[in-house]
């Protein structure tokens, strides 16, 4: 209250809420007068300080996330050279007092300053790799997971993720959910990537990465699965807010709708595919095999186009694989497109008025569907 009152009386009172401003005040006092410009600037800072305090208290005390009044507050994390494009100005902000394992709180061992697009892609890679309990590697390019694999040996997992789409992996973001070893680092430095992030790094891995002085190496510490939080998107005149999709699909959620039934291995691959696909842009189609992605069609304006892209990306590797669609098939044309591909199983949410036609197409071609 006293801070806010002092800030209101900017014509006669100077208020200081940041020790970094003490020297400014001391110098002006020594000169005989604190200028109105200084009082004005410090008043603005004081109002920001009290507004942040009130917002933090409000959000702590309220009982619902989607409350009638939504207040947000952040503190500047870093200035950026530019935003998504070179002509856009940008900065990053973080939640006050937040100590979670995330990109904003990562220890940066080396490399250039993180750019706007770096942070966006690194955050997406981290969100995807959090999906898995087994050792996993996720490679993200332009906000889409172009290569993902899980397994027991981290080097093998990395190689499978990279080879899933080595062309798109160039200049991408690599994320691990296990300590990055020296042998994995040696494999990574043979190509160009922007960022490597992991819970921890072997000393030998950090030494190896020094060969690439511009490579950003981010250590996050041990992290867990994604927690429920609010996702916020700006629209002209307001915001759209929703909770994060953290639902884990299990076998109990699956309903086999075709005559042909999938085997246990294909069901396991389907669950893997579904975890990855929700981190790709819609319309999204993902083909995977042996817990490795082989073909992604993302961000297409029609679902059948996404199917064709995934098939083209995967090539012969799609044979024997599982195809996942992030929404229902509006027409059976997508099933017609995969009839000769060797894909064994399709997983999709259903809900189309033509579901019966889509299922009939699967039965005609001997493809299982859940």
Protein backbone atom coordinates (compact mmCIF):
# COMPACT_ATOMS: atom_id res chain seq x y z
CA UNK A 1 0.00 0.00 0.00
CA UNK A 2 2.79 2.42 0.89
CA UNK A 3 4.62 1.63 -2.35
CA UNK A 4 1.50 2.20 -4.44
CA UNK A 5 0.72 5.47 -2.60
CA UNK A 6 4.25 6.72 -3.16
CA UNK A 7 4.07 5.82 -6.84
CA UNK A 8 0.82 7.79 -7.19
CA UNK A 9 2.47 10.88 -5.72
CA UNK A 10 5.17 10.95 -8.37
CA UNK A 11 5.08 14.75 -8.47
CA UNK A 12 6.54 15.02 -5.00
CA UNK A 13 7.68 11.52 -3.93
CA UNK A 14 10.32 9.11 -5.21
CA UNK A 15 9.81 5.38 -4.58
CA UNK A 16 12.46 2.68 -5.05
CA UNK A 17 11.67 -1.06 -5.22
CA UNK A 18 14.89 -2.34 -6.79
CA UNK A 19 18.33 -2.17 -5.19
CA UNK A 20 19.78 -1.79 -8.68
CA UNK A 21 18.36 1.75 -8.69
CA UNK A 22 20.05 2.87 -5.47
CA UNK A 23 23.06 4.33 -7.26
CA UNK A 24 20.82 6.44 -9.53
CA UNK A 25 19.06 7.90 -6.49
CA UNK A 26 22.32 8.46 -4.61
CA UNK A 27 23.84 10.34 -7.53
CA UNK A 28 20.81 12.60 -7.97
CA UNK A 29 20.48 13.27 -4.25
CA UNK A 30 24.13 14.29 -4.23
CA UNK A 31 23.39 16.75 -7.06
CA UNK A 32 20.62 18.33 -4.99
CA UNK A 33 17.47 17.09 -6.74
CA UNK A 34 15.81 13.89 -7.94
CA UNK A 35 14.50 14.72 -11.41
CA UNK A 36 10.88 14.20 -12.44
CA UNK A 37 12.06 11.83 -15.19
CA UNK A 38 13.70 9.59 -12.60
CA UNK A 39 10.67 9.77 -10.29
CA UNK A 40 8.41 8.95 -13.23
CA UNK A 41 10.50 5.94 -14.31
CA UNK A 42 10.69 4.59 -10.76
CA UNK A 43 6.94 5.13 -10.30
CA UNK A 44 6.27 2.94 -13.34
CA UNK A 45 8.57 0.31 -11.91
CA UNK A 46 6.80 0.46 -8.53
CA UNK A 47 3.36 -0.03 -10.09
CA UNK A 48 4.72 -3.01 -12.00
CA UNK A 49 6.11 -4.41 -8.75
CA UNK A 50 2.83 -4.13 -6.85
CA UNK A 51 0.82 -5.43 -9.81
CA UNK A 52 3.03 -8.50 -9.95
CA UNK A 53 2.65 -9.05 -6.21
CA UNK A 54 -1.15 -8.78 -6.40
CA UNK A 55 -1.26 -11.18 -9.37
CA UNK A 56 0.86 -13.79 -7.60
CA UNK A 57 -1.38 -13.61 -4.50
CA UNK A 58 -4.55 -13.77 -6.62
CA UNK A 59 -3.37 -16.84 -8.54
CA UNK A 60 -2.26 -18.58 -5.34
CA UNK A 61 -5.57 -18.03 -3.52
CA UNK A 62 -8.11 -18.69 -6.29
CA UNK A 63 -9.71 -22.14 -6.49
CA UNK A 64 -10.06 -22.58 -10.25
CA UNK A 65 -7.68 -22.18 -13.17
CA UNK A 66 -10.31 -20.89 -15.60
CA UNK A 67 -11.54 -18.17 -13.25
CA UNK A 68 -13.71 -15.20 -14.21
CA UNK A 69 -10.66 -12.94 -13.83
CA UNK A 70 -7.40 -14.12 -15.37
CA UNK A 71 -4.23 -12.32 -14.32
CA UNK A 72 -0.76 -13.17 -15.60
CA UNK A 73 2.64 -11.86 -14.64
CA UNK A 74 6.14 -12.62 -15.87
CA UNK A 75 9.66 -11.23 -15.51
CA UNK A 76 12.07 -10.72 -18.37
CA UNK A 77 14.37 -13.67 -18.91
CA UNK A 78 16.43 -12.38 -21.83
CA UNK A 79 16.54 -9.95 -24.73
CA UNK A 80 16.71 -11.48 -28.18
CA UNK A 81 18.29 -10.27 -31.38
CA UNK A 82 15.00 -10.84 -33.20
CA UNK A 83 11.80 -12.86 -33.06
CA UNK A 84 10.43 -15.54 -35.35
CA UNK A 85 11.62 -13.43 -38.30
CA UNK A 86 14.57 -11.01 -38.48
CA UNK A 87 12.32 -7.92 -38.66
CA UNK A 88 10.45 -8.78 -35.43
CA UNK A 89 11.65 -7.62 -32.01
CA UNK A 90 11.46 -10.18 -29.19
CA UNK A 91 12.28 -11.08 -25.60
CA UNK A 92 11.65 -14.10 -23.39
CA UNK A 93 9.84 -13.95 -20.05
CA UNK A 94 9.54 -16.44 -17.22
CA UNK A 95 7.20 -17.05 -14.30
CA UNK A 96 8.49 -15.29 -11.15
CA UNK A 97 10.05 -17.75 -8.73
CA UNK A 98 9.64 -20.74 -11.04
CA UNK A 99 12.31 -23.40 -10.47
CA UNK A 100 10.83 -26.24 -12.56
CA UNK A 101 12.95 -28.25 -14.97
CA UNK A 102 12.39 -26.36 -18.19
CA UNK A 103 14.18 -24.48 -20.96
CA UNK A 104 14.03 -21.15 -19.12
CA UNK A 105 15.84 -22.64 -16.12
CA UNK A 106 18.32 -24.79 -18.03
CA UNK A 107 22.05 -24.55 -17.46
CA UNK A 108 23.64 -23.52 -20.76
CA UNK A 109 27.10 -25.09 -20.95
CA UNK A 110 28.12 -23.52 -24.25
CA UNK A 111 26.97 -22.00 -27.50
CA UNK A 112 25.32 -18.87 -28.79
CA UNK A 113 22.42 -17.16 -27.07
CA UNK A 114 19.11 -18.97 -27.49
CA UNK A 115 16.93 -17.45 -30.20
CA UNK A 116 13.14 -17.18 -30.27
CA UNK A 117 12.85 -20.22 -32.55
CA UNK A 118 15.44 -22.13 -30.49
CA UNK A 119 13.33 -21.76 -27.35
CA UNK A 120 10.13 -22.70 -29.15
CA UNK A 121 11.63 -25.86 -30.67
CA UNK A 122 13.56 -26.83 -27.53
CA UNK A 123 10.39 -26.52 -25.46
CA UNK A 124 8.56 -28.73 -27.96
CA UNK A 125 11.34 -31.33 -27.92
CA UNK A 126 11.34 -31.39 -24.13
CA UNK A 127 7.55 -31.79 -24.00
CA UNK A 128 7.74 -34.76 -26.37
CA UNK A 129 10.65 -36.54 -24.71
CA UNK A 130 8.87 -36.25 -21.33
CA UNK A 131 6.26 -38.66 -22.70
CA UNK A 132 8.52 -41.69 -22.28
CA UNK A 133 9.76 -43.75 -19.36
CA UNK A 134 12.28 -45.77 -21.41
CA UNK A 135 15.42 -44.09 -22.78
CA UNK A 136 14.23 -41.80 -25.57
CA UNK A 137 15.52 -39.37 -28.16
CA UNK A 138 13.41 -36.70 -29.84
CA UNK A 139 14.59 -34.57 -32.76
CA UNK A 140 12.49 -31.50 -33.52
CA UNK A 141 12.60 -29.22 -36.55
CA UNK A 142 10.27 -26.24 -36.95
CA UNK A 143 8.09 -27.34 -34.02
CA UNK A 144 7.53 -30.88 -35.36
CA UNK A 145 9.11 -34.14 -34.12
CA UNK A 146 10.88 -35.35 -37.26
CA UNK A 147 12.56 -38.30 -35.50
CA UNK A 148 11.67 -40.11 -32.27
CA UNK A 149 12.80 -43.46 -30.87
CA UNK A 150 12.86 -45.35 -27.59
CA UNK A 151 14.85 -48.38 -26.49
CA UNK A 152 17.49 -49.57 -24.05
CA UNK A 153 20.77 -48.30 -25.49
CA UNK A 154 20.93 -44.51 -25.85
CA UNK A 155 23.32 -44.54 -28.82
CA UNK A 156 21.07 -46.94 -30.71
CA UNK A 157 18.03 -44.84 -29.76
CA UNK A 158 19.73 -41.68 -31.08
CA UNK A 159 20.78 -43.36 -34.33
CA UNK A 160 17.25 -44.62 -34.99
CA UNK A 161 15.73 -41.20 -34.23
CA UNK A 162 18.24 -39.45 -36.52
CA UNK A 163 17.85 -41.94 -39.36
CA UNK A 164 14.06 -41.67 -39.17
CA UNK A 165 14.41 -38.45 -41.18
CA UNK A 166 18.06 -37.45 -41.41
CA UNK A 167 17.30 -34.73 -43.97
CA UNK A 168 14.92 -32.88 -41.64
CA UNK A 169 17.18 -33.47 -38.62
CA UNK A 170 19.78 -31.12 -40.12
CA UNK A 171 19.79 -27.98 -37.97
CA UNK A 172 17.31 -29.49 -35.51
CA UNK A 173 16.98 -29.80 -31.74
CA UNK A 174 17.97 -33.08 -30.06
CA UNK A 175 16.44 -34.00 -26.69
CA UNK A 176 17.20 -36.96 -24.42
CA UNK A 177 15.55 -38.14 -21.21
CA UNK A 178 18.76 -39.79 -19.99
CA UNK A 179 22.32 -38.60 -19.39
CA UNK A 180 24.05 -37.88 -22.69
CA UNK A 181 27.15 -40.04 -22.96
CA UNK A 182 30.45 -39.34 -24.68
CA UNK A 183 29.75 -41.89 -27.43
CA UNK A 184 26.41 -40.24 -28.20
CA UNK A 185 28.10 -36.81 -28.27
CA UNK A 186 30.69 -38.15 -30.72
CA UNK A 187 27.88 -39.24 -33.05
CA UNK A 188 26.13 -35.87 -32.77
CA UNK A 189 29.14 -33.66 -33.59
CA UNK A 190 29.43 -35.27 -37.02
CA UNK A 191 26.30 -33.37 -38.10
CA UNK A 192 24.93 -29.83 -37.71
CA UNK A 193 22.33 -29.33 -35.01
CA UNK A 194 21.31 -26.22 -33.07
CA UNK A 195 20.74 -27.60 -29.56
CA UNK A 196 21.31 -30.73 -27.51
CA UNK A 197 19.38 -30.96 -24.26
CA UNK A 198 19.39 -33.66 -21.60
CA UNK A 199 19.00 -34.13 -17.85
CA UNK A 200 22.79 -34.39 -17.52
CA UNK A 201 25.98 -34.89 -19.52
CA UNK A 202 29.05 -37.02 -19.00
CA UNK A 203 32.18 -34.86 -18.68
CA UNK A 204 33.50 -36.51 -21.82
CA UNK A 205 30.34 -35.52 -23.69
CA UNK A 206 30.76 -31.87 -22.70
CA UNK A 207 34.38 -31.98 -23.82
CA UNK A 208 33.36 -33.50 -27.15
CA UNK A 209 30.74 -30.83 -27.77
CA UNK A 210 33.42 -28.14 -27.49
CA UNK A 211 34.38 -29.08 -31.05
CA UNK A 212 31.20 -27.24 -32.07
CA UNK A 213 31.54 -23.87 -30.35
CA UNK A 214 28.17 -22.55 -31.58
CA UNK A 215 26.24 -25.65 -30.49
CA UNK A 216 23.97 -24.88 -27.53
CA UNK A 217 24.21 -27.54 -24.82
CA UNK A 218 21.41 -27.38 -22.25
CA UNK A 219 21.37 -29.30 -18.97
CA UNK A 220 17.97 -29.46 -17.27
CA UNK A 221 18.49 -31.84 -14.36
CA UNK A 222 16.27 -34.85 -13.75
CA UNK A 223 12.78 -34.18 -15.10
CA UNK A 224 9.45 -35.98 -14.94
CA UNK A 225 6.39 -36.23 -17.17
CA UNK A 226 4.55 -33.07 -18.13
CA UNK A 227 2.41 -31.56 -15.41
CA UNK A 228 -1.05 -30.12 -16.02
CA UNK A 229 -0.85 -26.40 -16.75
CA UNK A 230 -2.63 -23.76 -18.76
CA UNK A 231 -1.83 -23.21 -22.42
CA UNK A 232 -2.46 -19.67 -23.58
CA UNK A 233 -2.78 -18.36 -27.11
CA UNK A 234 -3.23 -14.73 -28.03
CA UNK A 235 -6.04 -13.73 -30.38
CA UNK A 236 -6.92 -10.21 -31.42
CA UNK A 237 -8.73 -8.71 -28.43
CA UNK A 238 -8.12 -11.49 -25.95
CA UNK A 239 -6.78 -14.94 -25.13
CA UNK A 240 -7.69 -18.57 -25.65
CA UNK A 241 -6.90 -20.74 -22.62
CA UNK A 242 -6.99 -24.51 -22.22
CA UNK A 243 -5.40 -27.13 -20.03
CA UNK A 244 -2.50 -29.15 -21.41
CA UNK A 245 -3.25 -32.49 -23.06
CA UNK A 246 -1.45 -34.84 -20.69
CA UNK A 247 -3.78 -37.85 -21.00
CA UNK A 248 -1.85 -41.08 -21.39
CA UNK A 249 -3.58 -43.49 -23.75
CA UNK A 250 -3.61 -47.10 -22.53
CA UNK A 251 -4.76 -50.44 -23.91
CA UNK A 252 -8.02 -50.02 -22.00
CA UNK A 253 -8.83 -46.96 -24.13
CA UNK A 254 -8.50 -48.85 -27.41
CA UNK A 255 -11.40 -50.32 -29.36
CA UNK A 256 -10.68 -52.65 -32.26
CA UNK A 257 -13.27 -51.95 -34.99
CA UNK A 258 -12.07 -54.20 -37.85
CA UNK A 259 -12.17 -57.92 -38.55
CA UNK A 260 -8.41 -58.09 -38.44
CA UNK A 261 -6.97 -57.70 -34.95
CA UNK A 262 -3.52 -56.24 -34.22
CA UNK A 263 -0.88 -58.20 -32.31
CA UNK A 264 0.63 -57.01 -29.03
CA UNK A 265 3.71 -55.53 -30.71
CA UNK A 266 1.58 -53.43 -33.05
CA UNK A 267 -0.55 -52.20 -30.13
CA UNK A 268 2.61 -51.17 -28.28
CA UNK A 269 3.81 -49.31 -31.38
CA UNK A 270 0.40 -47.65 -31.73
CA UNK A 271 0.62 -46.28 -28.18
CA UNK A 272 4.14 -45.01 -28.89
CA UNK A 273 2.94 -43.37 -32.11
CA UNK A 274 0.04 -41.66 -30.37
CA UNK A 275 2.33 -40.14 -27.73
CA UNK A 276 4.49 -38.58 -30.42
CA UNK A 277 1.73 -37.47 -32.76
CA UNK A 278 0.11 -35.02 -30.35
CA UNK A 279 3.30 -32.97 -30.51
CA UNK A 280 2.98 -32.51 -34.28
CA UNK A 281 0.95 -29.87 -36.09
CA UNK A 282 -2.48 -30.88 -37.37
CA UNK A 283 -3.56 -32.23 -39.77
CA UNK A 284 -1.08 -34.83 -38.57
CA UNK A 285 -0.31 -38.37 -39.71
CA UNK A 286 2.54 -40.37 -38.20
CA UNK A 287 3.84 -43.79 -39.24
CA UNK A 288 6.06 -45.72 -36.84
CA UNK A 289 7.60 -49.17 -36.50
CA UNK A 290 9.56 -50.84 -33.68
CA UNK A 291 9.13 -47.77 -31.43
CA UNK A 292 10.72 -45.55 -34.06
CA UNK A 293 9.04 -42.93 -36.22
CA UNK A 294 9.50 -43.49 -39.94
CA UNK A 295 7.23 -40.97 -41.65
CA UNK A 296 5.51 -37.77 -40.51
CA UNK A 297 2.98 -35.72 -42.43
CA UNK A 298 2.20 -32.63 -40.35
CA UNK A 299 0.51 -29.27 -40.76
CA UNK A 300 -1.40 -30.17 -43.92
CA UNK A 301 -4.72 -28.62 -44.85
CA UNK A 302 -6.23 -31.98 -45.80
CA UNK A 303 -5.81 -35.31 -44.05
CA UNK A 304 -5.17 -37.32 -47.20
CA UNK A 305 -2.33 -34.91 -48.10
CA UNK A 306 -0.82 -35.60 -44.66
CA UNK A 307 -1.09 -39.34 -45.40
CA UNK A 308 0.72 -38.95 -48.72
CA UNK A 309 3.46 -36.88 -47.06
CA UNK A 310 3.99 -39.48 -44.33
CA UNK A 311 4.19 -42.25 -46.93
CA UNK A 312 6.67 -40.28 -49.02
CA UNK A 313 8.83 -39.49 -46.00
CA UNK A 314 8.84 -43.10 -44.81
CA UNK A 315 9.37 -44.81 -48.17
CA UNK A 316 9.89 -48.54 -47.88
CA UNK A 317 10.34 -48.25 -44.11
CA UNK A 318 6.56 -47.89 -43.63
CA UNK A 319 6.00 -51.55 -44.56
CA UNK A 320 4.88 -53.40 -41.43
CA UNK A 321 4.31 -50.13 -39.60
CA UNK A 322 1.49 -48.46 -37.68
CA UNK A 323 -0.24 -45.29 -38.90
CA UNK A 324 -1.77 -42.81 -36.46
CA UNK A 325 -4.10 -39.95 -37.33
CA UNK A 326 -4.66 -37.08 -34.88
CA UNK A 327 -8.32 -36.77 -35.91
CA UNK A 328 -10.95 -38.83 -37.70
CA UNK A 329 -10.78 -39.67 -41.40
CA UNK A 330 -13.50 -37.67 -43.17
CA UNK A 331 -13.38 -40.00 -46.18
CA UNK A 332 -11.98 -43.49 -46.90
CA UNK A 333 -9.50 -41.97 -49.39
CA UNK A 334 -6.73 -42.05 -46.78
CA UNK A 335 -7.19 -45.80 -46.39
CA UNK A 336 -7.19 -46.18 -50.17
CA UNK A 337 -3.85 -44.35 -50.20
CA UNK A 338 -2.18 -46.86 -47.85
CA UNK A 339 -3.68 -50.08 -49.22
CA UNK A 340 -0.45 -51.18 -50.96
CA UNK A 341 1.99 -49.70 -48.42
CA UNK A 342 2.19 -52.68 -46.09
CA UNK A 343 0.89 -50.72 -43.09
CA UNK A 344 -0.65 -53.21 -40.68
CA UNK A 345 -2.59 -51.06 -38.23
CA UNK A 346 -4.30 -47.68 -38.12
CA UNK A 347 -5.12 -45.84 -34.89
CA UNK A 348 -7.48 -42.86 -34.97
CA UNK A 349 -10.06 -41.23 -32.67
CA UNK A 350 -13.07 -41.79 -34.95
CA UNK A 351 -16.17 -39.62 -34.94
CA UNK A 352 -16.72 -39.09 -38.66
CA UNK A 353 -20.16 -39.57 -40.19
CA UNK A 354 -18.30 -41.84 -42.65
CA UNK A 355 -16.61 -44.01 -39.99
CA UNK A 356 -18.39 -47.07 -41.38
CA UNK A 357 -17.00 -46.43 -44.88
CA UNK A 358 -13.48 -46.00 -43.45
CA UNK A 359 -13.76 -49.24 -41.44
CA UNK A 360 -15.12 -51.09 -44.47
CA UNK A 361 -12.11 -49.93 -46.49
CA UNK A 362 -9.77 -51.32 -43.82
CA UNK A 363 -11.60 -54.62 -43.88
CA UNK A 364 -11.37 -54.72 -47.67
CA UNK A 365 -7.61 -54.22 -47.61
CA UNK A 366 -6.90 -56.41 -44.56
CA UNK A 367 -5.73 -53.52 -42.36
CA UNK A 368 -6.49 -53.51 -38.63
CA UNK A 369 -7.96 -50.36 -37.08
CA UNK A 370 -8.39 -49.12 -33.53
